[in-house]
Each structure stands twice: as C-alpha cells, then as structure tokens.
Amino acid sequence: MLSGTPRTFIGSTTFTVTGMTCAHCQRAVTAEIAAVDGVDTVTVDLPSGTVTVTADRPVDRADIAAAVDEAGYALVP
C-alpha cells in the first residue's frame, strides 16, 4: 500500500490488479472481493486491469488485497 494511503475506505475506490485476462479472472476476483464484509459492489475492467469496489461501510484495504490474493491475483501497490 502506498505511504499515506488510508487503511480503510468507504464509497468507491479503484484498485489495479495484475494478471486478469479473461472472464474467469473477472468472476474469481469479483466473487472473492464481494465476500468481504462491507463491500457493496465490485466492477472489474479487464482491459485496464482495474477493479472498482464500492463499500457502504469502512473496508480495510488489506482485506481487499487478501481477497484478490485468494483469487490468485495481486494488487499493484
């Protein structure tokens, strides 16, 4: 995580994820992140390699990173 980046977020935040190339990648990342407590929506943009997460209460960025890791990918710091 970048120095100075808040540990938690509420609302919409976009993350860059490495290695996503297909619909399977999209489904795996979406499912894992959607399971994080507080996450409201997950939108994956394969061409840009980004995932936009909307949370309705504070979500720890480390939980998002762990979910992405569980799906087999990694966040770009």
Foldseek 3Di string as FASTA:
>chain_A
DDPPDDQKDAFKDKWAKPDDADPLLVVQLQVLQVPFPQWDGWDADRVRRMIMTHGHDIDGVVSSQVSNVVSPIGTDD
